[in-house]
């Protein structure tokens, strides 16, 4: 499982590694950082989404076991909370980006 995680992180970061060029100023470094952050957030969205469906599968498998259903319910609740927090934070970032007139190309859902 650890190897799969490392492989998926490497696959996500591969475009940035392949086109790596020396940064000339602070803004280009910030752009690279924000691009990496956007890719990482996409991985976090996917992980929370998968965790929610894993909770559904566990709930269906444990229809007779009350402890198993409670554990599955916790998976679903916490994954929904994680998705809500991530979407809310990106919404706040999007609001700040639009307020201060920055380019929103690195924020998921705000690319033009």
C-alpha atoms as a PDB file:
ATOM      1  CA  UNK A   1       0.000   0.000   0.000  1.00  0.00           C
ATOM      2  CA  UNK A   2       2.893   2.328   0.782  1.00  0.00           C
ATOM      3  CA  UNK A   3       4.415   1.712  -2.649  1.00  0.00           C
ATOM      4  CA  UNK A   4       1.099   2.464  -4.344  1.00  0.00           C
ATOM      5  CA  UNK A   5       0.836   5.773  -2.466  1.00  0.00           C
ATOM      6  CA  UNK A   6       4.381   6.772  -3.402  1.00  0.00           C
ATOM      7  CA  UNK A   7       3.781   5.790  -7.019  1.00  0.00           C
ATOM      8  CA  UNK A   8       0.581   7.834  -7.210  1.00  0.00           C
ATOM      9  CA  UNK A   9       2.275  10.897  -5.675  1.00  0.00           C
ATOM     10  CA  UNK A  10       5.131  10.555  -8.160  1.00  0.00           C
ATOM     11  CA  UNK A  11       2.653  10.245 -11.055  1.00  0.00           C
ATOM     12  CA  UNK A  12       0.874  13.425  -9.967  1.00  0.00           C
ATOM     13  CA  UNK A  13       4.106  15.371  -9.592  1.00  0.00           C
ATOM     14  CA  UNK A  14       5.712  14.015 -12.773  1.00  0.00           C
ATOM     15  CA  UNK A  15       4.658  16.915 -15.045  1.00  0.00           C
ATOM     16  CA  UNK A  16       6.285  19.411 -12.678  1.00  0.00           C
ATOM     17  CA  UNK A  17       9.457  17.333 -12.491  1.00  0.00           C
ATOM     18  CA  UNK A  18       9.664  16.781 -16.261  1.00  0.00           C
ATOM     19  CA  UNK A  19       9.283  20.470 -17.137  1.00  0.00           C
ATOM     20  CA  UNK A  20      11.373  21.725 -14.268  1.00  0.00           C
ATOM     21  CA  UNK A  21      13.180  24.930 -15.074  1.00  0.00           C
ATOM     22  CA  UNK A  22      15.189  27.094 -12.755  1.00  0.00           C
ATOM     23  CA  UNK A  23      12.963  29.611 -11.051  1.00  0.00           C
ATOM     24  CA  UNK A  24      13.963  33.163 -11.787  1.00  0.00           C
ATOM     25  CA  UNK A  25      11.876  35.055  -9.278  1.00  0.00           C
ATOM     26  CA  UNK A  26       9.580  34.733  -6.297  1.00  0.00           C
ATOM     27  CA  UNK A  27       6.356  34.726  -8.351  1.00  0.00           C
ATOM     28  CA  UNK A  28       7.453  31.742 -10.415  1.00  0.00           C
ATOM     29  CA  UNK A  29       8.299  29.863  -7.212  1.00  0.00           C
ATOM     30  CA  UNK A  30       4.863  30.720  -5.828  1.00  0.00           C
ATOM     31  CA  UNK A  31       3.230  29.548  -9.059  1.00  0.00           C
ATOM     32  CA  UNK A  32       5.050  26.201  -8.791  1.00  0.00           C
ATOM     33  CA  UNK A  33       4.032  25.884  -5.141  1.00  0.00           C
ATOM     34  CA  UNK A  34       0.392  26.678  -5.908  1.00  0.00           C
ATOM     35  CA  UNK A  35       0.391  24.208  -8.788  1.00  0.00           C
ATOM     36  CA  UNK A  36       1.700  21.477  -6.501  1.00  0.00           C
ATOM     37  CA  UNK A  37      -0.841  22.438  -3.865  1.00  0.00           C
ATOM     38  CA  UNK A  38      -3.652  22.218  -6.402  1.00  0.00           C
ATOM     39  CA  UNK A  39      -2.528  18.745  -7.471  1.00  0.00           C
ATOM     40  CA  UNK A  40      -2.263  17.644  -3.841  1.00  0.00           C
ATOM     41  CA  UNK A  41      -5.751  18.952  -3.106  1.00  0.00           C
ATOM     42  CA  UNK A  42      -7.075  16.919  -6.027  1.00  0.00           C
ATOM     43  CA  UNK A  43      -5.577  13.824  -4.402  1.00  0.00           C
ATOM     44  CA  UNK A  44      -7.189  14.748  -1.091  1.00  0.00           C
ATOM     45  CA  UNK A  45     -10.592  15.223  -2.756  1.00  0.00           C
ATOM     46  CA  UNK A  46     -10.268  11.799  -4.359  1.00  0.00           C
ATOM     47  CA  UNK A  47      -9.214  10.180  -1.069  1.00  0.00           C
ATOM     48  CA  UNK A  48     -12.199  11.648   0.796  1.00  0.00           C
ATOM     49  CA  UNK A  49     -14.536  10.551  -1.992  1.00  0.00           C
ATOM     50  CA  UNK A  50     -13.141   7.000  -1.902  1.00  0.00           C
ATOM     51  CA  UNK A  51     -13.391   6.970   1.917  1.00  0.00           C
ATOM     52  CA  UNK A  52     -17.074   7.869   1.684  1.00  0.00           C
ATOM     53  CA  UNK A  53     -17.789   5.001  -0.683  1.00  0.00           C
ATOM     54  CA  UNK A  54     -15.680   2.674   1.457  1.00  0.00           C
ATOM     55  CA  UNK A  55     -17.982   3.585   4.360  1.00  0.00           C
ATOM     56  CA  UNK A  56     -21.002   2.710   2.218  1.00  0.00           C
ATOM     57  CA  UNK A  57     -19.476  -0.665   1.314  1.00  0.00           C
ATOM     58  CA  UNK A  58     -18.659  -1.374   4.967  1.00  0.00           C
ATOM     59  CA  UNK A  59     -22.209  -0.408   5.966  1.00  0.00           C
ATOM     60  CA  UNK A  60     -23.690  -2.819   3.440  1.00  0.00           C
ATOM     61  CA  UNK A  61     -21.332  -5.643   4.478  1.00  0.00           C
ATOM     62  CA  UNK A  62     -22.113  -5.180   8.183  1.00  0.00           C
ATOM     63  CA  UNK A  63     -25.906  -5.052   8.103  1.00  0.00           C
ATOM     64  CA  UNK A  64     -26.162  -7.483  11.032  1.00  0.00           C
ATOM     65  CA  UNK A  65     -23.328  -6.073  13.155  1.00  0.00           C
ATOM     66  CA  UNK A  66     -24.162  -2.856  15.024  1.00  0.00           C
ATOM     67  CA  UNK A  67     -20.498  -2.114  15.821  1.00  0.00           C
ATOM     68  CA  UNK A  68     -19.544  -2.542  12.155  1.00  0.00           C
ATOM     69  CA  UNK A  69     -22.368  -0.235  11.072  1.00  0.00           C
ATOM     70  CA  UNK A  70     -21.256   2.383  13.594  1.00  0.00           C
ATOM     71  CA  UNK A  71     -17.695   2.178  12.250  1.00  0.00           C
ATOM     72  CA  UNK A  72     -18.973   2.510   8.678  1.00  0.00           C
ATOM     73  CA  UNK A  73     -21.107   5.484   9.686  1.00  0.00           C
ATOM     74  CA  UNK A  74     -18.021   7.144  11.181  1.00  0.00           C
ATOM     75  CA  UNK A  75     -16.168   6.629   7.870  1.00  0.00           C
ATOM     76  CA  UNK A  76     -19.002   8.273   5.947  1.00  0.00           C
ATOM     77  CA  UNK A  77     -19.487  11.161   8.374  1.00  0.00           C
ATOM     78  CA  UNK A  78     -15.798  12.053   8.597  1.00  0.00           C
ATOM     79  CA  UNK A  79     -15.298  11.827   4.847  1.00  0.00           C
ATOM     80  CA  UNK A  80     -18.228  14.203   4.303  1.00  0.00           C
ATOM     81  CA  UNK A  81     -16.773  16.543   6.936  1.00  0.00           C
ATOM     82  CA  UNK A  82     -13.389  16.415   5.165  1.00  0.00           C
ATOM     83  CA  UNK A  83     -14.994  17.179   1.794  1.00  0.00           C
ATOM     84  CA  UNK A  84     -16.964  20.051   3.313  1.00  0.00           C
ATOM     85  CA  UNK A  85     -13.864  21.564   4.924  1.00  0.00           C
ATOM     86  CA  UNK A  86     -11.804  21.266   1.732  1.00  0.00           C
ATOM     87  CA  UNK A  87     -14.520  22.783  -0.465  1.00  0.00           C
ATOM     88  CA  UNK A  88     -15.102  25.576   2.054  1.00  0.00           C
ATOM     89  CA  UNK A  89     -11.403  26.430   2.258  1.00  0.00           C
ATOM     90  CA  UNK A  90     -11.059  26.496  -1.539  1.00  0.00           C
ATOM     91  CA  UNK A  91     -14.150  28.698  -1.639  1.00  0.00           C
ATOM     92  CA  UNK A  92     -12.523  31.145   0.754  1.00  0.00           C
ATOM     93  CA  UNK A  93      -9.318  31.061  -1.291  1.00  0.00           C
ATOM     94  CA  UNK A  94     -11.367  31.665  -4.450  1.00  0.00           C
ATOM     95  CA  UNK A  95     -13.104  34.605  -2.784  1.00  0.00           C
ATOM     96  CA  UNK A  96      -9.750  36.113  -1.818  1.00  0.00           C
ATOM     97  CA  UNK A  97      -8.329  35.510  -5.296  1.00  0.00           C
ATOM     98  CA  UNK A  98     -11.290  37.233  -6.935  1.00  0.00           C
ATOM     99  CA  UNK A  99     -11.278  40.057  -4.389  1.00  0.00           C
ATOM    100  CA  UNK A 100      -7.616  40.901  -4.891  1.00  0.00           C
ATOM    101  CA  UNK A 101      -7.629  40.341  -8.658  1.00  0.00           C
ATOM    102  CA  UNK A 102      -5.178  37.446  -8.825  1.00  0.00           C
ATOM    103  CA  UNK A 103      -5.177  34.821 -11.565  1.00  0.00           C
ATOM    104  CA  UNK A 104      -7.380  31.879 -10.487  1.00  0.00           C
ATOM    105  CA  UNK A 105      -5.797  29.257 -12.757  1.00  0.00           C
ATOM    106  CA  UNK A 106      -4.444  27.088  -9.921  1.00  0.00           C
ATOM    107  CA  UNK A 107      -7.641  26.847  -7.898  1.00  0.00           C
ATOM    108  CA  UNK A 108      -9.754  23.798  -8.736  1.00  0.00           C
ATOM    109  CA  UNK A 109     -13.121  24.866 -10.061  1.00  0.00           C
ATOM    110  CA  UNK A 110     -12.124  28.466 -10.799  1.00  0.00           C
ATOM    111  CA  UNK A 111      -9.980  27.951 -13.884  1.00  0.00           C
ATOM    112  CA  UNK A 112     -11.141  30.091 -16.783  1.00  0.00           C
END
